[in-house]
Amino acid sequence: MIAYPTLALCGQEFEPVGRMFGAEAIWREMATDLRTVSIPRCGHLPHEERPG
């Protein structure tokens, strides 16, 4: 379990995580101090697709 502050970014358009399961639910199993940000109009690679 990750005990440090964790930021999880995900694209809303990435089907397996953004729509089917939800990034927060997945990361909650791995991190206790979690903040999630879902990026609109973005797929699997937020850092490349929506860098701003």
PDB file of N, CA and C in Angstrom:
ATOM      1  N   MET A   1       0.845  -1.178   0.000  1.00  0.00           N
ATOM      2  CA  MET A   1       0.000   0.000   0.000  1.00  0.00           C
ATOM      3  C   MET A   1       0.890   1.241   0.000  1.00  0.00           C
ATOM      4  N   ILE A   2       0.578   2.199  -0.858  1.00  0.00           N
ATOM      5  CA  ILE A   2       1.311   3.463  -0.921  1.00  0.00           C
ATOM      6  C   ILE A   2       0.798   4.366   0.199  1.00  0.00           C
ATOM      7  N   ALA A   3       1.696   4.812   1.058  1.00  0.00           N
ATOM      8  CA  ALA A   3       1.304   5.632   2.211  1.00  0.00           C
ATOM      9  C   ALA A   3       1.626   7.109   2.012  1.00  0.00           C
ATOM     10  N   TYR A   4       2.151   7.476   0.870  1.00  0.00           N
ATOM     11  CA  TYR A   4       2.515   8.863   0.579  1.00  0.00           C
ATOM     12  C   TYR A   4       1.439   9.518  -0.263  1.00  0.00           C
ATOM     13  N   PRO A   5       1.365  10.860  -0.259  1.00  0.00           N
ATOM     14  CA  PRO A   5       0.396  11.529  -1.115  1.00  0.00           C
ATOM     15  C   PRO A   5       0.580  11.090  -2.571  1.00  0.00           C
ATOM     16  N   THR A   6      -0.520  10.711  -3.191  1.00  0.00           N
ATOM     17  CA  THR A   6      -0.485  10.159  -4.542  1.00  0.00           C
ATOM     18  C   THR A   6      -1.484  10.896  -5.420  1.00  0.00           C
ATOM     19  N   LEU A   7      -1.045  11.308  -6.605  1.00  0.00           N
ATOM     20  CA  LEU A   7      -1.912  11.932  -7.592  1.00  0.00           C
ATOM     21  C   LEU A   7      -2.084  10.968  -8.753  1.00  0.00           C
ATOM     22  N   ALA A   8      -3.304  10.591  -9.026  1.00  0.00           N
ATOM     23  CA  ALA A   8      -3.605   9.693 -10.144  1.00  0.00           C
ATOM     24  C   ALA A   8      -4.345  10.480 -11.218  1.00  0.00           C
ATOM     25  N   LEU A   9      -3.761  10.536 -12.405  1.00  0.00           N
ATOM     26  CA  LEU A   9      -4.380  11.208 -13.543  1.00  0.00           C
ATOM     27  C   LEU A   9      -4.928  10.154 -14.497  1.00  0.00           C
ATOM     28  N   CYS A  10      -6.076  10.437 -15.057  1.00  0.00           N
ATOM     29  CA  CYS A  10      -6.620   9.514 -16.054  1.00  0.00           C
ATOM     30  C   CYS A  10      -7.421  10.295 -17.075  1.00  0.00           C
ATOM     31  N   GLY A  11      -7.480   9.766 -18.282  1.00  0.00           N
ATOM     32  CA  GLY A  11      -8.295  10.371 -19.324  1.00  0.00           C
ATOM     33  C   GLY A  11      -9.711   9.816 -19.273  1.00  0.00           C
ATOM     34  N   GLN A  12     -10.687  10.679 -19.371  1.00  0.00           N
ATOM     35  CA  GLN A  12     -12.083  10.240 -19.319  1.00  0.00           C
ATOM     36  C   GLN A  12     -12.461   9.343 -20.484  1.00  0.00           C
ATOM     37  N   GLU A  13     -11.775   9.476 -21.594  1.00  0.00           N
ATOM     38  CA  GLU A  13     -12.113   8.697 -22.784  1.00  0.00           C
ATOM     39  C   GLU A  13     -11.389   7.351 -22.858  1.00  0.00           C
ATOM     40  N   PHE A  14     -10.536   7.053 -21.893  1.00  0.00           N
ATOM     41  CA  PHE A  14      -9.831   5.769 -21.898  1.00  0.00           C
ATOM     42  C   PHE A  14     -10.791   4.714 -21.378  1.00  0.00           C
ATOM     43  N   GLU A  15     -11.326   3.919 -22.279  1.00  0.00           N
ATOM     44  CA  GLU A  15     -12.405   2.973 -21.982  1.00  0.00           C
ATOM     45  C   GLU A  15     -12.160   2.064 -20.778  1.00  0.00           C
ATOM     46  N   PRO A  16     -11.041   1.334 -20.686  1.00  0.00           N
ATOM     47  CA  PRO A  16     -10.885   0.382 -19.573  1.00  0.00           C
ATOM     48  C   PRO A  16     -10.851   1.025 -18.193  1.00  0.00           C
ATOM     49  N   VAL A  17     -10.303   2.222 -18.086  1.00  0.00           N
ATOM     50  CA  VAL A  17     -10.180   2.844 -16.761  1.00  0.00           C
ATOM     51  C   VAL A  17     -11.149   3.995 -16.593  1.00  0.00           C
ATOM     52  N   GLY A  18     -11.148   4.917 -17.528  1.00  0.00           N
ATOM     53  CA  GLY A  18     -11.959   6.114 -17.400  1.00  0.00           C
ATOM     54  C   GLY A  18     -13.456   5.873 -17.381  1.00  0.00           C
ATOM     55  N   ARG A  19     -13.908   4.884 -18.137  1.00  0.00           N
ATOM     56  CA  ARG A  19     -15.356   4.645 -18.225  1.00  0.00           C
ATOM     57  C   ARG A  19     -15.821   3.386 -17.505  1.00  0.00           C
ATOM     58  N   MET A  20     -15.101   2.298 -17.648  1.00  0.00           N
ATOM     59  CA  MET A  20     -15.579   1.022 -17.106  1.00  0.00           C
ATOM     60  C   MET A  20     -15.389   0.899 -15.596  1.00  0.00           C
ATOM     61  N   PHE A  21     -14.210   1.245 -15.105  1.00  0.00           N
ATOM     62  CA  PHE A  21     -13.906   0.991 -13.696  1.00  0.00           C
ATOM     63  C   PHE A  21     -13.775   2.259 -12.865  1.00  0.00           C
ATOM     64  N   GLY A  22     -13.235   3.283 -13.422  1.00  0.00           N
ATOM     65  CA  GLY A  22     -12.980   4.508 -12.691  1.00  0.00           C
ATOM     66  C   GLY A  22     -11.607   4.462 -12.037  1.00  0.00           C
ATOM     67  N   ALA A  23     -10.797   5.433 -12.342  1.00  0.00           N
ATOM     68  CA  ALA A  23      -9.420   5.454 -11.835  1.00  0.00           C
ATOM     69  C   ALA A  23      -9.378   5.488 -10.310  1.00  0.00           C
ATOM     70  N   GLU A  24     -10.280   6.238  -9.709  1.00  0.00           N
ATOM     71  CA  GLU A  24     -10.241   6.347  -8.242  1.00  0.00           C
ATOM     72  C   GLU A  24     -10.458   4.991  -7.579  1.00  0.00           C
ATOM     73  N   ALA A  25     -11.401   4.218  -8.063  1.00  0.00           N
ATOM     74  CA  ALA A  25     -11.655   2.897  -7.478  1.00  0.00           C
ATOM     75  C   ALA A  25     -10.438   1.991  -7.590  1.00  0.00           C
ATOM     76  N   ILE A  26      -9.753   2.056  -8.716  1.00  0.00           N
ATOM     77  CA  ILE A  26      -8.559   1.231  -8.915  1.00  0.00           C
ATOM     78  C   ILE A  26      -7.436   1.677  -7.981  1.00  0.00           C
ATOM     79  N   TRP A  27      -7.185   2.992  -7.933  1.00  0.00           N
ATOM     80  CA  TRP A  27      -6.085   3.503  -7.107  1.00  0.00           C
ATOM     81  C   TRP A  27      -6.364   3.404  -5.611  1.00  0.00           C
ATOM     82  N   ARG A  28      -7.629   3.435  -5.204  1.00  0.00           N
ATOM     83  CA  ARG A  28      -7.965   3.308  -3.777  1.00  0.00           C
ATOM     84  C   ARG A  28      -7.455   1.988  -3.191  1.00  0.00           C
ATOM     85  N   GLU A  29      -7.315   0.989  -4.033  1.00  0.00           N
ATOM     86  CA  GLU A  29      -6.801  -0.307  -3.581  1.00  0.00           C
ATOM     87  C   GLU A  29      -5.290  -0.269  -3.355  1.00  0.00           C
ATOM     88  N   MET A  30      -4.628   0.799  -3.856  1.00  0.00           N
ATOM     89  CA  MET A  30      -3.174   0.862  -3.779  1.00  0.00           C
ATOM     90  C   MET A  30      -2.637   2.027  -2.961  1.00  0.00           C
ATOM     91  N   ALA A  31      -3.436   3.059  -2.713  1.00  0.00           N
ATOM     92  CA  ALA A  31      -2.943   4.264  -2.036  1.00  0.00           C
ATOM     93  C   ALA A  31      -3.934   4.752  -0.989  1.00  0.00           C
ATOM     94  N   THR A  32      -3.411   5.186   0.144  1.00  0.00           N
ATOM     95  CA  THR A  32      -4.283   5.662   1.218  1.00  0.00           C
ATOM     96  C   THR A  32      -4.497   7.174   1.168  1.00  0.00           C
ATOM     97  N   ASP A  33      -3.507   7.937   0.713  1.00  0.00           N
ATOM     98  CA  ASP A  33      -3.608   9.398   0.616  1.00  0.00           C
ATOM     99  C   ASP A  33      -3.684   9.748  -0.863  1.00  0.00           C
ATOM    100  N   LEU A  34      -4.900   9.704  -1.419  1.00  0.00           N
ATOM    101  CA  LEU A  34      -5.089   9.748  -2.864  1.00  0.00           C
ATOM    102  C   LEU A  34      -5.879  10.965  -3.303  1.00  0.00           C
ATOM    103  N   ARG A  35      -5.432  11.540  -4.412  1.00  0.00           N
ATOM    104  CA  ARG A  35      -6.192  12.565  -5.133  1.00  0.00           C
ATOM    105  C   ARG A  35      -6.241  12.117  -6.583  1.00  0.00           C
ATOM    106  N   THR A  36      -7.423  12.098  -7.183  1.00  0.00           N
ATOM    107  CA  THR A  36      -7.552  11.708  -8.586  1.00  0.00           C
ATOM    108  C   THR A  36      -8.067  12.888  -9.398  1.00  0.00           C
ATOM    109  N   VAL A  37      -7.585  12.989 -10.623  1.00  0.00           N
ATOM    110  CA  VAL A  37      -8.035  14.012 -11.552  1.00  0.00           C
ATOM    111  C   VAL A  37      -8.367  13.315 -12.863  1.00  0.00           C
ATOM    112  N   SER A  38      -9.602  13.477 -13.305  1.00  0.00           N
ATOM    113  CA  SER A  38     -10.059  12.903 -14.558  1.00  0.00           C
ATOM    114  C   SER A  38     -10.031  14.006 -15.613  1.00  0.00           C
ATOM    115  N   ILE A  39      -9.296  13.787 -16.695  1.00  0.00           N
ATOM    116  CA  ILE A  39      -9.074  14.809 -17.707  1.00  0.00           C
ATOM    117  C   ILE A  39     -10.050  14.617 -18.871  1.00  0.00           C
ATOM    118  N   PRO A  40     -10.898  15.619 -19.138  1.00  0.00           N
ATOM    119  CA  PRO A  40     -11.879  15.489 -20.221  1.00  0.00           C
ATOM    120  C   PRO A  40     -11.215  15.464 -21.590  1.00  0.00           C
ATOM    121  N   ARG A  41     -11.915  14.824 -22.553  1.00  0.00           N
ATOM    122  CA  ARG A  41     -11.454  14.724 -23.945  1.00  0.00           C
ATOM    123  C   ARG A  41     -10.034  14.178 -24.029  1.00  0.00           C
ATOM    124  N   CYS A  42      -9.760  13.171 -23.244  1.00  0.00           N
ATOM    125  CA  CYS A  42      -8.424  12.587 -23.190  1.00  0.00           C
ATOM    126  C   CYS A  42      -8.542  11.076 -23.081  1.00  0.00           C
ATOM    127  N   GLY A  43      -7.592  10.372 -23.678  1.00  0.00           N
ATOM    128  CA  GLY A  43      -7.589   8.918 -23.652  1.00  0.00           C
ATOM    129  C   GLY A  43      -6.550   8.357 -22.703  1.00  0.00           C
ATOM    130  N   HIS A  44      -5.735   7.452 -23.194  1.00  0.00           N
ATOM    131  CA  HIS A  44      -4.808   6.680 -22.373  1.00  0.00           C
ATOM    132  C   HIS A  44      -3.571   7.459 -21.909  1.00  0.00           C
ATOM    133  N   LEU A  45      -3.152   8.468 -22.651  1.00  0.00           N
ATOM    134  CA  LEU A  45      -1.900   9.163 -22.335  1.00  0.00           C
ATOM    135  C   LEU A  45      -2.130  10.663 -22.085  1.00  0.00           C
ATOM    136  N   PRO A  46      -2.619  11.030 -20.905  1.00  0.00           N
ATOM    137  CA  PRO A  46      -2.916  12.441 -20.628  1.00  0.00           C
ATOM    138  C   PRO A  46      -1.729  13.375 -20.844  1.00  0.00           C
ATOM    139  N   HIS A  47      -0.538  12.938 -20.476  1.00  0.00           N
ATOM    140  CA  HIS A  47       0.633  13.799 -20.611  1.00  0.00           C
ATOM    141  C   HIS A  47       0.969  14.121 -22.067  1.00  0.00           C
ATOM    142  N   GLU A  48       0.547  13.285 -22.998  1.00  0.00           N
ATOM    143  CA  GLU A  48       0.785  13.546 -24.411  1.00  0.00           C
ATOM    144  C   GLU A  48      -0.417  14.179 -25.090  1.00  0.00           C
ATOM    145  N   GLU A  49      -1.619  13.737 -24.724  1.00  0.00           N
ATOM    146  CA  GLU A  49      -2.835  14.184 -25.396  1.00  0.00           C
ATOM    147  C   GLU A  49      -3.315  15.541 -24.916  1.00  0.00           C
ATOM    148  N   ARG A  50      -3.139  15.848 -23.639  1.00  0.00           N
ATOM    149  CA  ARG A  50      -3.631  17.114 -23.065  1.00  0.00           C
ATOM    150  C   ARG A  50      -2.574  17.676 -22.099  1.00  0.00           C
ATOM    151  N   PRO A  51      -1.394  18.011 -22.576  1.00  0.00           N
ATOM    152  CA  PRO A  51      -0.320  18.431 -21.672  1.00  0.00           C
ATOM    153  C   PRO A  51      -0.619  19.713 -20.919  1.00  0.00           C
ATOM    154  N   GLY A  52      -1.488  20.554 -21.442  1.00  0.00           N
ATOM    155  CA  GLY A  52      -1.795  21.818 -20.774  1.00  0.00           C
ATOM    156  C   GLY A  52      -2.684  21.619 -19.593  1.00  0.00           C
TER     157      GLY A  52
END
